[in-house]
Amino acid sequence: MQLTIQFEAQLRQLAGGADRQIEVADGCTLQAAIQSAVGDTPELANAVLDSGRSVSRSVLAFINDAPVTDFDAPVNEGDVVLLLPPISGG
């Protein structure tokens, strides 16, 4: 099935663009989809994944505009996943 992974802020620069279309197997989790989307770009993978290669807790994720905290949640055909880097400032 096909998904769109969108990147914002500095993740967009690391990804070399605003989004990536990826193909994943039925029953794929959000974790696996993100790993697939960033795995071929080391700088992006380092920004999104932790040392155990899981999605970093500091990355904000949304599926179809709904915030997600469970990266083991399944994704569906046509989903749009948005990834935001940690936000700080004041």
C-alpha atoms as a PDB file:
ATOM      1  CA  MET A   1       0.000   0.000   0.000  1.00  0.00           C
ATOM      2  CA  GLN A   2       1.136   3.552  -0.603  1.00  0.00           C
ATOM      3  CA  LEU A   3       1.623   6.298   1.999  1.00  0.00           C
ATOM      4  CA  THR A   4       2.882   9.851   1.972  1.00  0.00           C
ATOM      5  CA  ILE A   5       5.418  10.909   4.587  1.00  0.00           C
ATOM      6  CA  GLN A   6       5.647  14.704   4.933  1.00  0.00           C
ATOM      7  CA  PHE A   7       8.561  16.495   6.579  1.00  0.00           C
ATOM      8  CA  GLU A   8       8.523  19.938   8.201  1.00  0.00           C
ATOM      9  CA  ALA A   9      11.205  22.430   9.298  1.00  0.00           C
ATOM     10  CA  GLN A  10      14.763  21.081   9.321  1.00  0.00           C
ATOM     11  CA  LEU A  11      13.512  17.559   8.535  1.00  0.00           C
ATOM     12  CA  ARG A  12      12.411  18.859   5.134  1.00  0.00           C
ATOM     13  CA  GLN A  13      15.961  20.024   4.398  1.00  0.00           C
ATOM     14  CA  LEU A  14      17.457  16.727   5.547  1.00  0.00           C
ATOM     15  CA  ALA A  15      14.950  14.770   3.434  1.00  0.00           C
ATOM     16  CA  GLY A  16      15.716  16.857   0.365  1.00  0.00           C
ATOM     17  CA  GLY A  17      12.053  17.759  -0.078  1.00  0.00           C
ATOM     18  CA  ALA A  18       8.684  18.173   1.548  1.00  0.00           C
ATOM     19  CA  ASP A  19       7.463  14.596   1.200  1.00  0.00           C
ATOM     20  CA  ARG A  20       8.152  11.060   0.114  1.00  0.00           C
ATOM     21  CA  GLN A  21       5.796   8.491  -1.326  1.00  0.00           C
ATOM     22  CA  ILE A  22       6.565   5.059   0.085  1.00  0.00           C
ATOM     23  CA  GLU A  23       5.230   1.576  -0.496  1.00  0.00           C
ATOM     24  CA  VAL A  24       4.698  -0.606   2.586  1.00  0.00           C
ATOM     25  CA  ALA A  25       3.119  -3.985   3.263  1.00  0.00           C
ATOM     26  CA  ASP A  26      -0.435  -4.348   4.536  1.00  0.00           C
ATOM     27  CA  GLY A  27      -0.477  -4.284   8.335  1.00  0.00           C
ATOM     28  CA  CYS A  28       2.573  -2.017   8.499  1.00  0.00           C
ATOM     29  CA  THR A  29       3.003   0.022  11.674  1.00  0.00           C
ATOM     30  CA  LEU A  30       3.729   3.727  11.803  1.00  0.00           C
ATOM     31  CA  GLN A  31       7.159   2.868  13.263  1.00  0.00           C
ATOM     32  CA  ALA A  32       8.044   0.629  10.297  1.00  0.00           C
ATOM     33  CA  ALA A  33       6.720   3.148   7.771  1.00  0.00           C
ATOM     34  CA  ILE A  34       8.840   5.956   9.223  1.00  0.00           C
ATOM     35  CA  GLN A  35      11.904   3.714   9.387  1.00  0.00           C
ATOM     36  CA  SER A  36      11.380   2.853   5.718  1.00  0.00           C
ATOM     37  CA  ALA A  37      10.956   6.500   4.723  1.00  0.00           C
ATOM     38  CA  VAL A  38      14.116   7.765   6.442  1.00  0.00           C
ATOM     39  CA  GLY A  39      16.382   4.737   6.279  1.00  0.00           C
ATOM     40  CA  ASP A  40      18.169   5.634   3.058  1.00  0.00           C
ATOM     41  CA  THR A  41      19.195   9.113   4.256  1.00  0.00           C
ATOM     42  CA  PRO A  42      21.612   8.863   7.214  1.00  0.00           C
ATOM     43  CA  GLU A  43      21.286  12.503   8.347  1.00  0.00           C
ATOM     44  CA  LEU A  44      17.490  12.283   8.295  1.00  0.00           C
ATOM     45  CA  ALA A  45      17.514   8.921  10.070  1.00  0.00           C
ATOM     46  CA  ASN A  46      19.743  10.368  12.800  1.00  0.00           C
ATOM     47  CA  ALA A  47      17.302  13.265  13.287  1.00  0.00           C
ATOM     48  CA  VAL A  48      14.193  11.064  13.436  1.00  0.00           C
ATOM     49  CA  LEU A  49      15.361   7.796  14.981  1.00  0.00           C
ATOM     50  CA  ASP A  50      16.985   7.197  18.351  1.00  0.00           C
ATOM     51  CA  SER A  51      20.077   5.064  18.957  1.00  0.00           C
ATOM     52  CA  GLY A  52      17.905   1.931  19.026  1.00  0.00           C
ATOM     53  CA  ARG A  53      16.565   2.875  15.565  1.00  0.00           C
ATOM     54  CA  SER A  54      13.064   3.539  16.938  1.00  0.00           C
ATOM     55  CA  VAL A  55      11.271   6.820  16.296  1.00  0.00           C
ATOM     56  CA  SER A  56      12.618   9.366  18.770  1.00  0.00           C
ATOM     57  CA  ARG A  57      10.186  10.450  21.479  1.00  0.00           C
ATOM     58  CA  SER A  58      10.985  14.075  20.615  1.00  0.00           C
ATOM     59  CA  VAL A  59       9.578  13.757  17.073  1.00  0.00           C
ATOM     60  CA  LEU A  60       5.942  14.753  16.705  1.00  0.00           C
ATOM     61  CA  ALA A  61       3.884  12.598  14.350  1.00  0.00           C
ATOM     62  CA  PHE A  62       0.435  12.998  12.847  1.00  0.00           C
ATOM     63  CA  ILE A  63      -1.594  10.627  10.690  1.00  0.00           C
ATOM     64  CA  ASN A  64      -4.139  12.465   8.551  1.00  0.00           C
ATOM     65  CA  ASP A  65      -3.828  15.531  10.831  1.00  0.00           C
ATOM     66  CA  ALA A  66      -4.492  13.550  14.050  1.00  0.00           C
ATOM     67  CA  PRO A  67      -1.637  13.471  16.592  1.00  0.00           C
ATOM     68  CA  VAL A  68      -0.139  10.044  17.234  1.00  0.00           C
ATOM     69  CA  THR A  69       1.773   8.845  20.268  1.00  0.00           C
ATOM     70  CA  ASP A  70       1.582   5.085  19.592  1.00  0.00           C
ATOM     71  CA  PHE A  71       4.132   4.329  16.902  1.00  0.00           C
ATOM     72  CA  ASP A  72       2.918   0.709  16.856  1.00  0.00           C
ATOM     73  CA  ALA A  73      -0.394   1.929  15.403  1.00  0.00           C
ATOM     74  CA  PRO A  74      -1.173   0.523  11.960  1.00  0.00           C
ATOM     75  CA  VAL A  75      -1.160   2.731   8.899  1.00  0.00           C
ATOM     76  CA  ASN A  76      -3.625   2.446   6.034  1.00  0.00           C
ATOM     77  CA  GLU A  77      -3.559   2.884   2.280  1.00  0.00           C
ATOM     78  CA  GLY A  78      -3.400   6.561   1.369  1.00  0.00           C
ATOM     79  CA  ASP A  79      -2.534   7.828   4.857  1.00  0.00           C
ATOM     80  CA  VAL A  80      -0.539  11.038   5.118  1.00  0.00           C
ATOM     81  CA  VAL A  81       2.021  11.000   7.912  1.00  0.00           C
ATOM     82  CA  LEU A  82       3.459  14.344   9.013  1.00  0.00           C
ATOM     83  CA  LEU A  83       6.712  14.463  10.989  1.00  0.00           C
ATOM     84  CA  LEU A  84       7.746  17.519  12.967  1.00  0.00           C
ATOM     85  CA  PRO A  85      11.076  17.931  14.727  1.00  0.00           C
ATOM     86  CA  PRO A  86      11.156  18.972  18.366  1.00  0.00           C
ATOM     87  CA  ILE A  87      10.036  22.573  18.748  1.00  0.00           C
ATOM     88  CA  SER A  88      11.645  24.930  21.223  1.00  0.00           C
ATOM     89  CA  GLY A  89      11.975  28.598  21.728  1.00  0.00           C
ATOM     90  CA  GLY A  90      10.138  31.248  23.531  1.00  0.00           C
END
